[in-house]
Structures are given as C-alpha cells and as structure tokens.
PDB file of N, CA and C in Angstrom:
ATOM      1  N   UNK A   1      33.764 -42.438  19.157  1.00  0.00           N
ATOM      2  CA  UNK A   1      33.234 -42.184  17.843  1.00  0.00           C
ATOM      3  C   UNK A   1      34.386 -41.997  16.856  1.00  0.00           C
ATOM      4  N   UNK A   2      34.168 -42.529  15.737  1.00  0.00           N
ATOM      5  CA  UNK A   2      35.165 -42.455  14.687  1.00  0.00           C
ATOM      6  C   UNK A   2      34.968 -41.157  13.880  1.00  0.00           C
ATOM      7  N   UNK A   3      36.033 -40.511  13.514  1.00  0.00           N
ATOM      8  CA  UNK A   3      35.967 -39.247  12.768  1.00  0.00           C
ATOM      9  C   UNK A   3      35.350 -39.477  11.390  1.00  0.00           C
ATOM     10  N   UNK A   4      35.623 -40.609  10.789  1.00  0.00           N
ATOM     11  CA  UNK A   4      35.042 -40.935   9.485  1.00  0.00           C
ATOM     12  C   UNK A   4      33.525 -41.051   9.591  1.00  0.00           C
ATOM     13  N   UNK A   5      33.046 -41.608  10.691  1.00  0.00           N
ATOM     14  CA  UNK A   5      31.598 -41.746  10.907  1.00  0.00           C
ATOM     15  C   UNK A   5      30.945 -40.368  11.025  1.00  0.00           C
ATOM     16  N   UNK A   6      31.571 -39.481  11.790  1.00  0.00           N
ATOM     17  CA  UNK A   6      31.039 -38.127  11.960  1.00  0.00           C
ATOM     18  C   UNK A   6      31.045 -37.397  10.616  1.00  0.00           C
ATOM     19  N   UNK A   7      32.119 -37.561   9.864  1.00  0.00           N
ATOM     20  CA  UNK A   7      32.215 -36.919   8.560  1.00  0.00           C
ATOM     21  C   UNK A   7      31.120 -37.440   7.623  1.00  0.00           C
ATOM     22  N   UNK A   8      30.853 -38.713   7.628  1.00  0.00           N
ATOM     23  CA  UNK A   8      29.818 -39.316   6.789  1.00  0.00           C
ATOM     24  C   UNK A   8      28.427 -38.802   7.182  1.00  0.00           C
ATOM     25  N   UNK A   9      28.166 -38.703   8.485  1.00  0.00           N
ATOM     26  CA  UNK A   9      26.873 -38.204   8.962  1.00  0.00           C
ATOM     27  C   UNK A   9      26.687 -36.747   8.558  1.00  0.00           C
ATOM     28  N   UNK A  10      27.717 -35.939   8.697  1.00  0.00           N
ATOM     29  CA  UNK A  10      27.627 -34.535   8.317  1.00  0.00           C
ATOM     30  C   UNK A  10      27.420 -34.369   6.810  1.00  0.00           C
ATOM     31  N   UNK A  11      28.079 -35.179   6.018  1.00  0.00           N
ATOM     32  CA  UNK A  11      27.878 -35.122   4.573  1.00  0.00           C
ATOM     33  C   UNK A  11      26.444 -35.506   4.213  1.00  0.00           C
ATOM     34  N   UNK A  12      25.911 -36.521   4.898  1.00  0.00           N
ATOM     35  CA  UNK A  12      24.536 -36.943   4.648  1.00  0.00           C
ATOM     36  C   UNK A  12      23.557 -35.830   5.023  1.00  0.00           C
ATOM     37  N   UNK A  13      23.807 -35.211   6.168  1.00  0.00           N
ATOM     38  CA  UNK A  13      22.957 -34.098   6.596  1.00  0.00           C
ATOM     39  C   UNK A  13      23.067 -32.959   5.582  1.00  0.00           C
ATOM     40  N   UNK A  14      24.251 -32.692   5.105  1.00  0.00           N
ATOM     41  CA  UNK A  14      24.447 -31.655   4.096  1.00  0.00           C
ATOM     42  C   UNK A  14      23.698 -31.972   2.810  1.00  0.00           C
ATOM     43  N   UNK A  15      23.693 -33.225   2.415  1.00  0.00           N
ATOM     44  CA  UNK A  15      22.977 -33.619   1.206  1.00  0.00           C
ATOM     45  C   UNK A  15      21.470 -33.411   1.357  1.00  0.00           C
ATOM     46  N   UNK A  16      20.976 -33.577   2.563  1.00  0.00           N
ATOM     47  CA  UNK A  16      19.536 -33.404   2.779  1.00  0.00           C
ATOM     48  C   UNK A  16      19.137 -31.950   2.987  1.00  0.00           C
ATOM     49  N   UNK A  17      19.866 -31.238   3.804  1.00  0.00           N
ATOM     50  CA  UNK A  17      19.432 -29.920   4.240  1.00  0.00           C
ATOM     51  C   UNK A  17      19.838 -28.773   3.318  1.00  0.00           C
ATOM     52  N   UNK A  18      20.928 -28.889   2.614  1.00  0.00           N
ATOM     53  CA  UNK A  18      21.348 -27.793   1.728  1.00  0.00           C
ATOM     54  C   UNK A  18      20.333 -27.568   0.617  1.00  0.00           C
ATOM     55  N   UNK A  19      19.844 -28.603  -0.060  1.00  0.00           N
ATOM     56  CA  UNK A  19      18.798 -28.342  -1.071  1.00  0.00           C
ATOM     57  C   UNK A  19      17.498 -27.804  -0.447  1.00  0.00           C
ATOM     58  N   UNK A  20      17.150 -28.295   0.729  1.00  0.00           N
ATOM     59  CA  UNK A  20      15.942 -27.824   1.402  1.00  0.00           C
ATOM     60  C   UNK A  20      16.091 -26.340   1.759  1.00  0.00           C
ATOM     61  N   UNK A  21      17.220 -25.968   2.291  1.00  0.00           N
ATOM     62  CA  UNK A  21      17.466 -24.568   2.653  1.00  0.00           C
ATOM     63  C   UNK A  21      17.467 -23.693   1.402  1.00  0.00           C
ATOM     64  N   UNK A  22      18.074 -24.176   0.323  1.00  0.00           N
ATOM     65  CA  UNK A  22      18.083 -23.413  -0.928  1.00  0.00           C
ATOM     66  C   UNK A  22      16.655 -23.232  -1.443  1.00  0.00           C
ATOM     67  N   UNK A  23      15.835 -24.283  -1.371  1.00  0.00           N
ATOM     68  CA  UNK A  23      14.443 -24.188  -1.823  1.00  0.00           C
ATOM     69  C   UNK A  23      13.664 -23.192  -0.962  1.00  0.00           C
ATOM     70  N   UNK A  24      13.865 -23.244   0.351  1.00  0.00           N
ATOM     71  CA  UNK A  24      13.167 -22.315   1.256  1.00  0.00           C
ATOM     72  C   UNK A  24      13.567 -20.878   0.948  1.00  0.00           C
ATOM     73  N   UNK A  25      14.845 -20.611   0.775  1.00  0.00           N
ATOM     74  CA  UNK A  25      15.296 -19.259   0.464  1.00  0.00           C
ATOM     75  C   UNK A  25      14.767 -18.785  -0.884  1.00  0.00           C
ATOM     76  N   UNK A  26      14.743 -19.678  -1.872  1.00  0.00           N
ATOM     77  CA  UNK A  26      14.201 -19.335  -3.183  1.00  0.00           C
ATOM     78  C   UNK A  26      12.711 -19.014  -3.074  1.00  0.00           C
ATOM     79  N   UNK A  27      11.977 -19.798  -2.308  1.00  0.00           N
ATOM     80  CA  UNK A  27      10.544 -19.563  -2.118  1.00  0.00           C
ATOM     81  C   UNK A  27      10.298 -18.238  -1.416  1.00  0.00           C
ATOM     82  N   UNK A  28      11.084 -17.946  -0.398  1.00  0.00           N
ATOM     83  CA  UNK A  28      10.951 -16.669   0.308  1.00  0.00           C
ATOM     84  C   UNK A  28      11.214 -15.508  -0.639  1.00  0.00           C
ATOM     85  N   UNK A  29      12.232 -15.626  -1.460  1.00  0.00           N
ATOM     86  CA  UNK A  29      12.569 -14.580  -2.428  1.00  0.00           C
ATOM     87  C   UNK A  29      11.423 -14.391  -3.423  1.00  0.00           C
ATOM     88  N   UNK A  30      10.871 -15.489  -3.917  1.00  0.00           N
ATOM     89  CA  UNK A  30       9.777 -15.426  -4.892  1.00  0.00           C
ATOM     90  C   UNK A  30       8.536 -14.779  -4.277  1.00  0.00           C
ATOM     91  N   UNK A  31       8.204 -15.167  -3.061  1.00  0.00           N
ATOM     92  CA  UNK A  31       7.023 -14.609  -2.395  1.00  0.00           C
ATOM     93  C   UNK A  31       7.228 -13.138  -2.038  1.00  0.00           C
ATOM     94  N   UNK A  32       8.453 -12.776  -1.691  1.00  0.00           N
ATOM     95  CA  UNK A  32       8.696 -11.369  -1.364  1.00  0.00           C
ATOM     96  C   UNK A  32       8.499 -10.489  -2.596  1.00  0.00           C
ATOM     97  N   UNK A  33       8.858 -10.990  -3.773  1.00  0.00           N
ATOM     98  CA  UNK A  33       8.618 -10.236  -5.008  1.00  0.00           C
ATOM     99  C   UNK A  33       7.124 -10.069  -5.244  1.00  0.00           C
ATOM    100  N   UNK A  34       6.343 -11.128  -4.982  1.00  0.00           N
ATOM    101  CA  UNK A  34       4.896 -11.044  -5.146  1.00  0.00           C
ATOM    102  C   UNK A  34       4.299 -10.059  -4.149  1.00  0.00           C
ATOM    103  N   UNK A  35       4.821 -10.057  -2.939  1.00  0.00           N
ATOM    104  CA  UNK A  35       4.323  -9.142  -1.914  1.00  0.00           C
ATOM    105  C   UNK A  35       4.610  -7.694  -2.317  1.00  0.00           C
ATOM    106  N   UNK A  36       5.780  -7.450  -2.892  1.00  0.00           N
ATOM    107  CA  UNK A  36       6.133  -6.098  -3.338  1.00  0.00           C
ATOM    108  C   UNK A  36       5.176  -5.644  -4.435  1.00  0.00           C
ATOM    109  N   UNK A  37       4.872  -6.522  -5.384  1.00  0.00           N
ATOM    110  CA  UNK A  37       3.942  -6.180  -6.466  1.00  0.00           C
ATOM    111  C   UNK A  37       2.557  -5.899  -5.891  1.00  0.00           C
ATOM    112  N   UNK A  38       2.121  -6.725  -4.953  1.00  0.00           N
ATOM    113  CA  UNK A  38       0.816  -6.517  -4.322  1.00  0.00           C
ATOM    114  C   UNK A  38       0.779  -5.196  -3.559  1.00  0.00           C
ATOM    115  N   UNK A  39       1.858  -4.874  -2.863  1.00  0.00           N
ATOM    116  CA  UNK A  39       1.936  -3.610  -2.129  1.00  0.00           C
ATOM    117  C   UNK A  39       1.836  -2.420  -3.087  1.00  0.00           C
ATOM    118  N   UNK A  40       2.494  -2.508  -4.233  1.00  0.00           N
ATOM    119  CA  UNK A  40       2.428  -1.434  -5.218  1.00  0.00           C
ATOM    120  C   UNK A  40       1.003  -1.266  -5.737  1.00  0.00           C
ATOM    121  N   UNK A  41       0.317  -2.386  -5.983  1.00  0.00           N
ATOM    122  CA  UNK A  41      -1.066  -2.307  -6.453  1.00  0.00           C
ATOM    123  C   UNK A  41      -1.963  -1.660  -5.402  1.00  0.00           C
ATOM    124  N   UNK A  42      -1.780  -2.062  -4.153  1.00  0.00           N
ATOM    125  CA  UNK A  42      -2.590  -1.499  -3.069  1.00  0.00           C
ATOM    126  C   UNK A  42      -2.311  -0.001  -2.932  1.00  0.00           C
ATOM    127  N   UNK A  43      -1.055   0.384  -2.993  1.00  0.00           N
ATOM    128  CA  UNK A  43      -0.703   1.807  -2.895  1.00  0.00           C
ATOM    129  C   UNK A  43      -1.298   2.607  -4.049  1.00  0.00           C
ATOM    130  N   UNK A  44      -1.274   2.043  -5.254  1.00  0.00           N
ATOM    131  CA  UNK A  44      -1.873   2.728  -6.399  1.00  0.00           C
ATOM    132  C   UNK A  44      -3.376   2.901  -6.199  1.00  0.00           C
ATOM    133  N   UNK A  45      -4.014   1.858  -5.698  1.00  0.00           N
ATOM    134  CA  UNK A  45      -5.457   1.935  -5.453  1.00  0.00           C
ATOM    135  C   UNK A  45      -5.778   2.985  -4.392  1.00  0.00           C
ATOM    136  N   UNK A  46      -5.006   3.012  -3.335  1.00  0.00           N
ATOM    137  CA  UNK A  46      -5.220   4.005  -2.276  1.00  0.00           C
ATOM    138  C   UNK A  46      -4.994   5.410  -2.811  1.00  0.00           C
ATOM    139  N   UNK A  47      -3.948   5.589  -3.606  1.00  0.00           N
ATOM    140  CA  UNK A  47      -3.671   6.916  -4.179  1.00  0.00           C
ATOM    141  C   UNK A  47      -4.802   7.370  -5.099  1.00  0.00           C
ATOM    142  N   UNK A  48      -5.347   6.440  -5.907  1.00  0.00           N
ATOM    143  CA  UNK A  48      -6.475   6.797  -6.775  1.00  0.00           C
ATOM    144  C   UNK A  48      -7.680   7.218  -5.947  1.00  0.00           C
ATOM    145  N   UNK A  49      -7.961   6.481  -4.897  1.00  0.00           N
ATOM    146  CA  UNK A  49      -9.117   6.809  -4.055  1.00  0.00           C
ATOM    147  C   UNK A  49      -8.916   8.139  -3.335  1.00  0.00           C
ATOM    148  N   UNK A  50      -7.705   8.384  -2.857  1.00  0.00           N
ATOM    149  CA  UNK A  50      -7.434   9.661  -2.186  1.00  0.00           C
ATOM    150  C   UNK A  50      -7.548  10.835  -3.159  1.00  0.00           C
ATOM    151  N   UNK A  51      -7.059  10.642  -4.358  1.00  0.00           N
ATOM    152  CA  UNK A  51      -7.170  11.688  -5.373  1.00  0.00           C
ATOM    153  C   UNK A  51      -8.634  11.959  -5.680  1.00  0.00           C
ATOM    154  N   UNK A  52      -9.416  10.900  -5.799  1.00  0.00           N
ATOM    155  CA  UNK A  52     -10.843  11.051  -6.053  1.00  0.00           C
ATOM    156  C   UNK A  52     -11.517  11.808  -4.900  1.00  0.00           C
ATOM    157  N   UNK A  53     -11.172  11.463  -3.666  1.00  0.00           N
ATOM    158  CA  UNK A  53     -11.745  12.163  -2.513  1.00  0.00           C
ATOM    159  C   UNK A  53     -11.325  13.635  -2.491  1.00  0.00           C
ATOM    160  N   UNK A  54     -10.066  13.906  -2.803  1.00  0.00           N
ATOM    161  CA  UNK A  54      -9.598  15.295  -2.837  1.00  0.00           C
ATOM    162  C   UNK A  54     -10.372  16.096  -3.872  1.00  0.00           C
ATOM    163  N   UNK A  55     -10.602  15.498  -5.025  1.00  0.00           N
ATOM    164  CA  UNK A  55     -11.362  16.179  -6.076  1.00  0.00           C
ATOM    165  C   UNK A  55     -12.787  16.466  -5.599  1.00  0.00           C
ATOM    166  N   UNK A  56     -13.399  15.482  -4.948  1.00  0.00           N
ATOM    167  CA  UNK A  56     -14.763  15.687  -4.445  1.00  0.00           C
ATOM    168  C   UNK A  56     -14.800  16.788  -3.395  1.00  0.00           C
ATOM    169  N   UNK A  57     -13.817  16.805  -2.494  1.00  0.00           N
ATOM    170  CA  UNK A  57     -13.786  17.848  -1.478  1.00  0.00           C
ATOM    171  C   UNK A  57     -13.539  19.226  -2.082  1.00  0.00           C
ATOM    172  N   UNK A  58     -12.681  19.307  -3.096  1.00  0.00           N
ATOM    173  CA  UNK A  58     -12.449  20.586  -3.760  1.00  0.00           C
ATOM    174  C   UNK A  58     -13.736  21.085  -4.419  1.00  0.00           C
ATOM    175  N   UNK A  59     -14.453  20.188  -5.074  1.00  0.00           N
ATOM    176  CA  UNK A  59     -15.725  20.550  -5.691  1.00  0.00           C
ATOM    177  C   UNK A  59     -16.725  20.995  -4.627  1.00  0.00           C
ATOM    178  N   UNK A  60     -16.768  20.267  -3.527  1.00  0.00           N
ATOM    179  CA  UNK A  60     -17.670  20.611  -2.431  1.00  0.00           C
ATOM    180  C   UNK A  60     -17.325  21.980  -1.847  1.00  0.00           C
ATOM    181  N   UNK A  61     -16.020  22.243  -1.674  1.00  0.00           N
ATOM    182  CA  UNK A  61     -15.599  23.554  -1.166  1.00  0.00           C
ATOM    183  C   UNK A  61     -16.003  24.680  -2.123  1.00  0.00           C
ATOM    184  N   UNK A  62     -15.855  24.462  -3.419  1.00  0.00           N
ATOM    185  CA  UNK A  62     -16.244  25.479  -4.398  1.00  0.00           C
ATOM    186  C   UNK A  62     -17.741  25.748  -4.321  1.00  0.00           C
ATOM    187  N   UNK A  63     -18.531  24.677  -4.193  1.00  0.00           N
ATOM    188  CA  UNK A  63     -19.976  24.851  -4.096  1.00  0.00           C
ATOM    189  C   UNK A  63     -20.348  25.598  -2.815  1.00  0.00           C
ATOM    190  N   UNK A  64     -19.668  25.281  -1.713  1.00  0.00           N
ATOM    191  CA  UNK A  64     -19.927  26.004  -0.470  1.00  0.00           C
ATOM    192  C   UNK A  64     -19.581  27.485  -0.611  1.00  0.00           C
ATOM    193  N   UNK A  65     -18.466  27.772  -1.258  1.00  0.00           N
ATOM    194  CA  UNK A  65     -18.090  29.171  -1.482  1.00  0.00           C
ATOM    195  C   UNK A  65     -19.142  29.886  -2.322  1.00  0.00           C
ATOM    196  N   UNK A  66     -19.651  29.216  -3.349  1.00  0.00           N
ATOM    197  CA  UNK A  66     -20.689  29.811  -4.190  1.00  0.00           C
ATOM    198  C   UNK A  66     -21.951  30.081  -3.376  1.00  0.00           C
ATOM    199  N   UNK A  67     -22.327  29.145  -2.521  1.00  0.00           N
ATOM    200  CA  UNK A  67     -23.512  29.328  -1.682  1.00  0.00           C
ATOM    201  C   UNK A  67     -23.286  30.472  -0.706  1.00  0.00           C
ATOM    202  N   UNK A  68     -22.096  30.554  -0.125  1.00  0.00           N
ATOM    203  CA  UNK A  68     -21.794  31.649   0.803  1.00  0.00           C
ATOM    204  C   UNK A  68     -21.837  32.995   0.100  1.00  0.00           C
ATOM    205  N   UNK A  69     -21.285  33.074  -1.098  1.00  0.00           N
ATOM    206  CA  UNK A  69     -21.304  34.323  -1.862  1.00  0.00           C
ATOM    207  C   UNK A  69     -22.746  34.696  -2.196  1.00  0.00           C
ATOM    208  N   UNK A  70     -23.544  33.721  -2.603  1.00  0.00           N
ATOM    209  CA  UNK A  70     -24.947  33.989  -2.924  1.00  0.00           C
ATOM    210  C   UNK A  70     -25.700  34.445  -1.682  1.00  0.00           C
ATOM    211  N   UNK A  71     -25.425  33.835  -0.555  1.00  0.00           N
ATOM    212  CA  UNK A  71     -26.086  34.218   0.693  1.00  0.00           C
ATOM    213  C   UNK A  71     -25.711  35.635   1.082  1.00  0.00           C
ATOM    214  N   UNK A  72     -24.466  35.990   0.925  1.00  0.00           N
ATOM    215  CA  UNK A  72     -24.014  37.349   1.251  1.00  0.00           C
ATOM    216  C   UNK A  72     -24.678  38.361   0.319  1.00  0.00           C
ATOM    217  N   UNK A  73     -24.773  38.028  -0.974  1.00  0.00           N
ATOM    218  CA  UNK A  73     -25.409  38.934  -1.936  1.00  0.00           C
ATOM    219  C   UNK A  73     -26.879  39.134  -1.574  1.00  0.00           C
ATOM    220  N   UNK A  74     -27.559  38.042  -1.227  1.00  0.00           N
ATOM    221  CA  UNK A  74     -28.970  38.148  -0.846  1.00  0.00           C
ATOM    222  C   UNK A  74     -29.107  38.957   0.424  1.00  0.00           C
ATOM    223  N   UNK A  75     -28.228  38.744   1.383  1.00  0.00           N
ATOM    224  CA  UNK A  75     -28.284  39.509   2.637  1.00  0.00           C
ATOM    225  C   UNK A  75     -28.032  40.989   2.361  1.00  0.00           C
ATOM    226  N   UNK A  76     -27.121  41.321   1.461  1.00  0.00           N
ATOM    227  CA  UNK A  76     -26.852  42.729   1.112  1.00  0.00           C
ATOM    228  C   UNK A  76     -28.054  43.362   0.417  1.00  0.00           C
ATOM    229  N   UNK A  77     -28.731  42.588  -0.452  1.00  0.00           N
ATOM    230  CA  UNK A  77     -29.915  43.108  -1.121  1.00  0.00           C
ATOM    231  C   UNK A  77     -31.039  43.376  -0.117  1.00  0.00           C
ATOM    232  N   UNK A  78     -31.190  42.492   0.830  1.00  0.00           N
ATOM    233  CA  UNK A  78     -32.229  42.655   1.845  1.00  0.00           C
ATOM    234  C   UNK A  78     -31.914  43.881   2.704  1.00  0.00           C
ATOM    235  N   UNK A  79     -30.648  44.031   3.067  1.00  0.00           N
ATOM    236  CA  UNK A  79     -30.246  45.194   3.865  1.00  0.00           C
ATOM    237  C   UNK A  79     -30.428  46.496   3.069  1.00  0.00           C
ATOM    238  N   UNK A  80     -30.176  46.436   1.761  1.00  0.00           N
ATOM    239  CA  UNK A  80     -30.291  47.629   0.926  1.00  0.00           C
ATOM    240  C   UNK A  80     -31.746  48.063   0.772  1.00  0.00           C
ATOM    241  N   UNK A  81     -32.669  47.127   0.797  1.00  0.00           N
ATOM    242  CA  UNK A  81     -34.093  47.441   0.641  1.00  0.00           C
ATOM    243  C   UNK A  81     -34.676  48.040   1.919  1.00  0.00           C
ATOM    244  N   UNK A  82     -34.043  47.836   3.041  1.00  0.00           N
ATOM    245  CA  UNK A  82     -34.547  48.359   4.311  1.00  0.00           C
ATOM    246  C   UNK A  82     -34.361  49.802   4.371  1.00  0.00           C
TER     247      UNK A  82
END
C-alpha cells in the first residue's frame, strides 16, 4: 500500500465523518438543553402539587384538632352533669 493512498483515504474519511460527528454533538447539546428545561418544568409542577398537598394536610390537621377539642369539651360537660 502506498502512503499517499492511505493519506487520501483518511482525508476522505475525515471530510465525511468530522461534519457528521460535529452535527451529532451539536444535536446532543441542543437536546440536553431541552431536557434540562423540561426537568425544571416537571420539578416546578411537582413542587406546586406537594405544596398544595401540604396545605390541604395542614388544614385537615387543624380541623381534626378542632373536632378533638370540641369532643373533649362535650365529654367534660357530660361528666360535669353526672
């Protein structure tokens, strides 16, 4: 094999594959940015839902405490009447 032939083949391969590799890397970079934005949106949505659930549970706990206090007051009144 002639060295000039090998050099020509390698240059041809370089002409074909270097732009393809650059395009693939650029596409990966572009998609990774989109994935990061999507992840941020999903995290924001999850945080909003968790905050909403926490608020509902806090409200539920307050209502339970009110019911327990009312039950204790009624039980004390019943005991006092005996």
